[in-house]
Protein backbone atom coordinates (compact mmCIF):
# COMPACT_ATOMS: atom_id res chain seq x y z
CA MET A 1 -23.44 -61.87 13.84
CA THR A 2 -26.19 -59.63 12.45
CA LEU A 3 -26.74 -56.16 13.91
CA ARG A 4 -29.64 -53.76 13.56
CA PRO A 5 -29.57 -49.97 13.32
CA PRO A 6 -30.51 -48.41 16.68
CA LYS A 7 -34.13 -47.36 17.13
CA SER A 8 -33.03 -43.72 17.32
CA SER A 9 -31.84 -43.88 13.70
CA TYR A 10 -35.37 -44.45 12.35
CA ASN A 11 -37.21 -41.38 11.10
CA GLN A 12 -40.23 -43.55 10.37
CA ALA A 13 -40.43 -46.89 12.17
CA SER A 14 -42.59 -49.99 12.43
CA GLU A 15 -42.57 -52.88 14.89
CA LYS A 16 -43.25 -55.30 12.03
CA VAL A 17 -40.84 -53.95 9.41
CA TRP A 18 -37.17 -53.20 10.09
CA PHE A 19 -33.66 -53.20 8.64
CA SER A 20 -30.53 -55.10 9.61
CA TYR A 21 -26.94 -54.87 8.44
CA VAL A 22 -25.23 -57.67 6.55
CA PRO A 23 -23.42 -60.18 8.82
CA ASN A 24 -20.35 -58.81 10.64
CA ALA A 25 -21.15 -55.20 9.60
CA SER A 26 -22.16 -52.26 11.79
CA LYS A 27 -23.33 -49.89 9.05
CA PHE A 28 -25.02 -49.90 5.65
CA GLN A 29 -22.11 -48.45 3.65
CA HIS A 30 -19.41 -50.72 2.24
CA GLY A 31 -16.30 -49.89 0.23
CA LEU A 32 -14.26 -46.69 0.25
CA LEU A 33 -16.36 -44.04 -1.49
CA GLY A 34 -14.03 -41.71 -3.37
CA ILE A 35 -11.33 -44.37 -3.73
CA ASN A 36 -13.12 -47.48 -5.00
CA ASP A 37 -16.64 -48.74 -5.65
CA SER A 38 -18.97 -48.22 -2.72
CA TYR A 39 -22.49 -49.42 -2.02
CA VAL A 40 -25.10 -49.75 0.71
CA ALA A 41 -26.26 -53.23 1.66
CA GLY A 42 -28.48 -54.79 4.27
CA ASN A 43 -31.64 -56.77 4.85
CA LEU A 44 -35.28 -55.77 5.02
CA HIS A 45 -37.28 -57.84 7.51
CA LEU A 46 -41.07 -58.24 7.55
CA GLN A 47 -42.69 -60.10 10.43
CA PHE A 48 -46.47 -60.18 10.77
CA PRO A 49 -48.67 -62.51 12.86
CA GLU A 50 -50.27 -65.52 11.15
CA ASN A 51 -53.76 -64.28 11.98
CA GLU A 52 -53.06 -60.80 10.58
CA PRO A 53 -50.64 -61.11 7.65
CA LEU A 54 -49.51 -58.28 5.43
CA LYS A 55 -51.37 -58.28 2.14
CA ALA A 56 -48.98 -56.72 -0.36
CA LYS A 57 -48.39 -56.33 -4.08
CA ARG A 58 -45.03 -54.58 -4.20
CA ILE A 59 -41.98 -54.07 -1.95
CA GLU A 60 -39.02 -51.88 -2.82
CA VAL A 61 -36.04 -50.37 -1.03
CA SER A 62 -34.25 -47.13 -1.88
CA ILE A 63 -31.54 -44.79 -0.71
CA THR A 64 -32.20 -41.07 -0.85
CA GLY A 65 -30.02 -38.07 -0.06
CA THR A 66 -31.08 -34.52 0.75
CA GLU A 67 -29.13 -31.27 0.94
CA TYR A 68 -30.75 -28.92 3.45
CA VAL A 69 -29.96 -25.35 4.52
CA HIS A 70 -32.01 -23.39 7.05
CA TRP A 71 -31.38 -20.37 9.23
CA THR A 72 -33.48 -17.60 10.72
CA GLU A 73 -33.01 -13.89 11.25
CA GLN A 74 -34.91 -11.50 13.50
CA VAL A 75 -36.03 -8.26 11.85
CA VAL A 76 -37.26 -5.31 13.93
CA GLU A 77 -39.73 -3.10 12.07
CA ASN A 78 -42.30 -0.39 12.68
CA ALA A 79 -45.81 -1.63 11.94
CA TYR A 80 -49.03 0.39 11.88
CA ASN A 81 -51.72 -0.77 14.30
CA SER A 82 -55.10 0.23 12.88
CA SER A 83 -56.92 -0.33 16.18
CA THR A 84 -54.70 2.12 18.09
CA LYS A 85 -53.97 4.21 15.00
CA SER A 86 -50.30 4.30 15.88
CA TYR A 87 -47.03 2.67 14.94
CA GLU A 88 -45.49 0.00 17.15
CA VAL A 89 -42.24 -1.94 17.10
CA ARG A 90 -42.57 -5.58 16.09
CA THR A 91 -40.07 -8.39 15.67
CA ARG A 92 -40.50 -10.67 12.69
CA THR A 93 -38.68 -13.96 12.08
CA ILE A 94 -37.45 -14.61 8.54
CA HIS A 95 -36.70 -18.19 7.49
CA TYR A 96 -34.13 -18.87 4.77
CA ILE A 97 -34.58 -22.41 3.44
CA HIS A 98 -33.01 -24.53 0.72
CA GLU A 99 -33.87 -28.20 0.21
CA HIS A 100 -32.72 -30.35 -2.70
CA GLN A 101 -32.69 -34.08 -3.30
CA ILE A 102 -29.23 -35.19 -4.42
CA LEU A 103 -29.75 -38.96 -4.56
CA ASN A 104 -32.64 -41.35 -5.24
CA ARG A 105 -31.81 -44.94 -6.16
CA SER A 106 -34.33 -47.73 -5.73
CA LEU A 107 -34.44 -51.51 -6.05
CA LEU A 108 -37.56 -53.63 -6.56
CA LEU A 109 -37.39 -56.50 -4.06
CA TRP A 110 -40.67 -58.25 -4.81
CA GLN A 111 -43.99 -57.77 -6.54
CA ASN A 112 -47.16 -59.62 -7.50
CA LYS A 113 -49.06 -57.81 -10.22
CA GLU A 114 -52.08 -60.14 -10.12
CA PHE A 115 -53.30 -60.02 -6.51
CA TYR A 116 -52.39 -59.08 -2.95
CA GLN A 117 -50.29 -61.85 -1.44
CA LYS A 118 -50.20 -62.71 2.25
CA ILE A 119 -46.81 -62.23 3.91
CA THR A 120 -45.98 -63.20 7.49
CA ASN A 121 -42.23 -63.67 7.87
CA ILE A 122 -39.67 -62.89 5.17
CA LYS A 123 -36.23 -61.31 4.74
CA PHE A 124 -35.07 -59.48 1.62
CA PRO A 125 -31.33 -58.80 1.14
CA PHE A 126 -30.52 -55.67 -0.86
CA LYS A 127 -27.53 -53.89 -2.38
CA LEU A 128 -27.53 -50.42 -3.97
CA PRO A 129 -24.45 -48.85 -5.65
CA LEU A 130 -23.41 -45.31 -4.71
CA PRO A 131 -22.27 -42.66 -7.23
CA ASN A 132 -18.57 -41.97 -6.80
CA ASN A 133 -19.10 -38.18 -6.67
CA LEU A 134 -21.55 -38.35 -3.77
CA PRO A 135 -20.84 -35.87 -0.93
CA PRO A 136 -20.54 -37.27 2.60
CA SER A 137 -23.11 -36.90 5.35
CA MET A 138 -22.59 -33.63 7.18
CA ASN A 139 -24.06 -31.42 9.88
CA LEU A 140 -22.53 -27.93 9.93
CA SER A 141 -22.94 -24.91 12.21
CA ASP A 142 -25.42 -26.60 14.57
CA GLY A 143 -27.58 -27.88 11.75
CA ILE A 144 -27.69 -24.81 9.48
CA GLY A 145 -26.22 -26.89 6.66
CA GLN A 146 -26.90 -30.61 6.38
CA ILE A 147 -26.54 -33.48 3.95
CA ASN A 148 -28.52 -36.51 5.12
CA TYR A 149 -29.16 -39.95 3.67
CA GLU A 150 -31.91 -42.48 4.36
CA VAL A 151 -32.52 -46.12 3.50
CA ASN A 152 -36.23 -46.46 2.82
CA ALA A 153 -38.66 -49.35 2.46
CA LYS A 154 -41.88 -48.78 0.51
CA ILE A 155 -44.68 -51.34 0.59
CA LYS A 156 -47.80 -51.28 -1.54
CA ARG A 157 -50.45 -53.03 0.54
CA LYS A 158 -54.19 -53.59 0.62
CA ARG A 159 -56.18 -50.80 2.22
CA ASN A 160 -57.90 -51.43 5.54
CA PHE A 161 -60.53 -48.76 6.06
CA TRP A 162 -61.62 -50.16 9.43
CA LYS A 163 -58.10 -49.71 10.85
CA PHE A 164 -57.38 -46.50 8.92
CA LYS A 165 -54.51 -48.10 7.01
CA GLY A 166 -53.71 -46.65 3.58
CA SER A 167 -52.29 -48.42 0.56
CA LYS A 168 -48.69 -47.42 1.34
CA LYS A 169 -46.44 -48.34 4.25
CA SER A 170 -43.00 -46.77 4.66
CA VAL A 171 -40.00 -47.27 6.92
CA LYS A 172 -37.14 -44.74 6.88
CA CYS A 173 -33.75 -45.23 8.53
CA MET A 174 -30.82 -42.79 8.60
CA CYS A 175 -27.75 -43.96 6.71
CA SER A 176 -24.40 -42.26 7.31
CA ILE A 177 -22.28 -41.89 4.16
CA THR A 178 -18.51 -41.38 4.44
CA ARG A 179 -16.07 -40.28 1.74
CA TYR A 180 -12.41 -41.27 1.78
CA ARG A 181 -9.21 -39.94 0.30
CA SER A 182 -5.92 -41.73 -0.26
CA MET A 183 -2.66 -40.17 0.91
CA PRO A 184 -1.98 -36.99 -1.12
CA VAL A 185 1.30 -36.18 -2.83
CA PRO A 186 3.45 -33.47 -1.20
CA ALA A 187 2.72 -29.86 -2.16
CA PRO A 188 5.18 -27.82 -0.07
CA THR A 189 4.78 -24.20 0.98
CA ARG A 190 7.62 -22.12 2.39
CA TRP A 191 7.62 -18.73 4.14
CA THR A 192 11.09 -17.36 4.75
CA GLU A 193 12.84 -14.18 5.83
CA TRP A 194 15.96 -15.73 7.27
CA ASP A 195 18.93 -13.33 7.16
CA ASP A 196 17.78 -10.53 4.87
CA PRO A 197 17.74 -6.86 5.98
CA LYS A 198 14.07 -7.10 7.01
CA ALA A 199 14.78 -10.03 9.32
CA ILE A 200 17.86 -8.37 10.82
CA LYS A 201 15.94 -5.14 11.49
CA ARG A 202 13.15 -7.10 13.16
CA GLY A 203 15.64 -9.08 15.22
CA LEU A 204 14.16 -12.38 14.12
CA GLY A 205 14.56 -14.44 10.96
CA TYR A 206 12.18 -17.27 10.17
CA ASP A 207 11.92 -20.22 7.81
CA ILE A 208 8.55 -21.95 8.12
CA THR A 209 7.44 -24.82 5.88
CA VAL A 210 4.37 -27.00 5.39
CA ASP A 211 4.81 -30.10 3.23
CA TYR A 212 1.21 -30.73 2.08
CA ASN A 213 -1.94 -28.84 1.14
CA THR A 214 -4.38 -31.64 2.05
CA PHE A 215 -4.73 -32.94 5.59
CA GLY A 216 -6.98 -35.25 7.54
CA PRO A 217 -7.07 -38.06 10.11
CA GLY A 218 -4.40 -39.99 8.21
CA ASN A 219 -2.19 -36.97 7.48
CA PRO A 220 -1.78 -34.55 10.41
CA ILE A 221 -0.78 -30.93 9.94
CA ILE A 222 2.97 -30.58 10.51
CA ILE A 223 4.45 -27.08 10.54
CA ASN A 224 8.25 -26.93 10.55
CA PHE A 225 9.60 -23.87 12.38
CA ALA A 226 13.11 -22.42 12.22
CA PHE A 227 13.82 -19.10 14.02
CA LYS A 228 17.11 -17.16 14.13
CA PHE A 229 17.48 -14.43 16.76
CA PHE A 230 19.75 -11.49 15.91
CA LYS A 231 19.20 -9.78 19.26
CA VAL A 232 17.47 -10.34 22.57
CA LEU A 233 13.80 -10.27 21.64
CA LYS A 234 10.71 -10.91 23.73
CA LEU A 235 8.12 -13.12 22.04
CA LYS A 236 4.60 -13.29 23.39
CA GLU A 237 3.71 -16.54 21.63
CA VAL A 238 3.72 -18.47 18.39
CA PHE A 239 0.22 -19.44 17.31
CA ALA A 240 -0.80 -22.04 14.74
CA GLY A 241 -4.37 -22.95 13.95
CA LEU A 242 -6.79 -24.37 11.44
CA LYS A 243 -9.61 -21.96 10.63
CA GLU A 244 -12.84 -23.23 9.10
CA TYR A 245 -15.20 -21.15 6.96
CA HIS A 246 -18.83 -22.00 6.18
CA ILE A 247 -20.85 -20.32 3.42
CA PHE A 248 -24.56 -21.15 3.18
CA LYS A 249 -26.98 -20.00 0.49
CA ALA A 250 -30.77 -20.16 0.69
CA SER A 251 -33.72 -18.12 -0.57
CA GLY A 252 -31.38 -15.76 -2.42
CA ASN A 253 -29.39 -14.91 0.73
CA THR A 254 -25.97 -15.87 2.08
CA LYS A 255 -24.77 -16.66 5.61
CA PHE A 256 -21.07 -16.69 6.50
CA ILE A 257 -19.65 -18.37 9.62
CA LYS A 258 -15.99 -18.82 10.55
CA GLY A 259 -13.91 -19.93 13.49
CA TYR A 260 -10.88 -21.89 14.61
CA VAL A 261 -11.44 -25.63 14.95
CA LEU A 262 -7.85 -26.53 15.93
CA GLU A 263 -5.35 -24.32 17.79
CA ARG A 264 -1.84 -24.64 19.22
CA LYS A 265 0.31 -22.10 21.10
CA ILE A 266 4.00 -22.07 21.89
CA LEU A 267 4.99 -19.59 24.60
CA ASP A 268 8.20 -17.53 24.74
CA ASP A 269 9.90 -19.56 27.47
CA GLN A 270 9.43 -22.77 25.45
CA ILE A 271 11.42 -21.12 22.65
CA SER A 272 14.08 -19.19 24.58
CA SER A 273 15.00 -22.22 26.69
CA ASN A 274 15.61 -24.35 23.59
CA LEU A 275 17.92 -22.12 21.53
CA ASN A 276 21.07 -23.69 20.12
CA ALA A 277 24.57 -22.16 20.18
CA ARG A 278 23.75 -20.06 17.08
CA ASN A 279 20.63 -18.57 18.73
CA GLU A 280 18.40 -20.70 16.51
CA TRP A 281 15.21 -22.55 17.40
CA TRP A 282 14.02 -25.55 15.40
CA TYR A 283 10.70 -27.26 16.04
CA ASN A 284 8.20 -29.46 14.17
CA LEU A 285 4.68 -28.71 15.38
CA LYS A 286 2.23 -31.56 14.83
CA ILE A 287 -1.54 -30.97 14.87
CA GLU A 288 -3.74 -34.05 14.64
CA VAL A 289 -6.97 -33.67 12.64
CA PRO A 290 -9.69 -35.74 14.37
CA GLU A 291 -12.75 -36.31 12.18
CA ASN A 292 -15.18 -35.27 14.93
CA LYS A 293 -13.59 -31.80 15.21
CA VAL A 294 -13.66 -30.60 11.60
CA GLY A 295 -15.96 -30.31 8.62
CA TRP A 296 -14.67 -31.72 5.36
CA THR A 297 -13.71 -29.28 2.62
CA THR A 298 -16.81 -28.97 0.41
CA ASP A 299 -17.58 -26.85 -2.64
CA ARG A 300 -21.28 -26.98 -3.47
CA HIS A 301 -23.54 -24.18 -4.64
CA ASN A 302 -25.52 -23.96 -1.40
CA ILE A 303 -22.97 -25.35 1.07
CA LYS A 304 -19.30 -24.44 0.93
CA VAL A 305 -16.62 -25.30 3.49
CA TYR A 306 -13.02 -24.17 3.13
CA HIS A 307 -10.01 -24.06 5.45
CA LYS A 308 -6.88 -22.04 6.12
CA ILE A 309 -3.79 -22.77 8.17
CA LYS A 310 -2.91 -19.63 10.13
CA VAL A 311 0.54 -19.01 11.63
CA LYS A 312 1.10 -15.94 13.81
CA VAL A 313 4.27 -14.79 15.58
CA ARG A 314 3.17 -12.32 18.25
CA PHE A 315 5.68 -9.98 19.86
CA GLY A 316 3.43 -8.10 22.21
CA TYR A 317 3.55 -4.49 23.39
CA LEU A 318 6.40 -2.32 21.97
CA GLY A 319 7.74 -5.22 19.94
CA PRO A 320 8.10 -5.51 16.17
CA LYS A 321 5.09 -5.92 13.95
CA ASN A 322 3.49 -9.34 14.30
CA ILE A 323 4.15 -11.91 11.59
CA ASN A 324 0.92 -13.24 10.04
CA LEU A 325 1.01 -16.12 7.55
CA GLU A 326 -1.77 -18.19 6.03
CA LYS A 327 -2.32 -21.00 3.55
CA LEU A 328 -5.52 -22.30 1.92
CA VAL A 329 -5.72 -26.06 2.49
CA ASN A 330 -8.09 -28.99 2.06
CA ILE A 331 -9.37 -31.13 4.92
CA GLU A 332 -10.45 -34.58 3.79
CA ASN A 333 -11.02 -37.99 5.30
CA ILE A 334 -7.59 -39.40 4.50
CA ILE A 335 -7.31 -43.08 5.33
CA LYS A 336 -4.39 -44.09 7.49
CA GLU A 337 -1.90 -46.24 5.64
C-alpha cells in the first residue's frame, strides 16, 4: 500500500506534481537517526494531460533543513511630532530574527541536455542519506524556535509566456525528522541526610536516589524516596518535576523561557498513612516522559534546551526549612527495548 503526505503538509503544492511514501511506509524518514544509518525515501509523481504535457530538461529532488528563531518585543518611547511640535508616546515592535540553513542535499532524477522533452505520466523513486549529527525537527515556545525540514522537487521546464509560467516549477513538502537514542547506562545520583545531626534536628531524614541522567519515552524518570521520621512532623507535600529551559539567540539578543513540563505531588496523608514500624516511608515515584510533552535536550548556538529534575519537600507554615534538590538531566528520544 502506498500512502501520500497529507495536503496540509505541502508548503508549495501542485495538482500535477506530488510525493508519495515508499510502499508500507507512512513517512519519508527511514532508519534510526542517531543509532544507525538513516535516510529519506519516497517517490516523485508527475501526471500531465496528453494534450498539455510538461516540457522539461531537468528534474531533481532535495531535502533541506532550516533553523529559525523569531520573537518580538514592544518598546514604548517618546517621539517628537513635528506637526504638533510636541512629544508623544509611541509603541514600536522590534523583531529578533535568526535563519540558517542546516541541510541541503539533492539528487538528480532525470535530465535531457539537448532539448525539452515531453512528459505526461512518470514516477521517480528517490533516496537521500541523512547526516548522523542532524538535529530533529522541533517547534519550541509556540514557534519562537524551530527546526524544519522539507522534501523539494525542482523542475526546469520550458517557459510559457502566454500562461505566465516561468522556467522553474517547485513542489515543497514538510518532512519530519526524528532522532533516537539507545538505552543509556546508569549514572546514579544520591541525596542523603539520613540520621545525622541535621536530619535529627529537622525531624526528618531522607535518602533520595535517581539511577540515570538521561530519560525519555523508553526510560521514565524514577525517583526513589526513603524518609525517616524522628518526631511527629507535618508535611505539606513532596513535589517532583521536570523543568525545561529554552534559550534563544537572534539579532544579537537572547530570550530565556522556563517552566515545568512534568509534575507530580505526594500529599502528607499519602505518606503518614504508609509508615512502617520504624517510622520510615519508602516509595518509588515513576514519571513517564511522553514525547509530545517535552522538548529534546539541544545544545546549538541559537537554540538551547536543557532540563532539570526538581525535588522539593515542603513543610508549610512554622515547619522546618524546605528541602530543595535538583539535578541536570538529558531528555532524549530513547527507544523502548
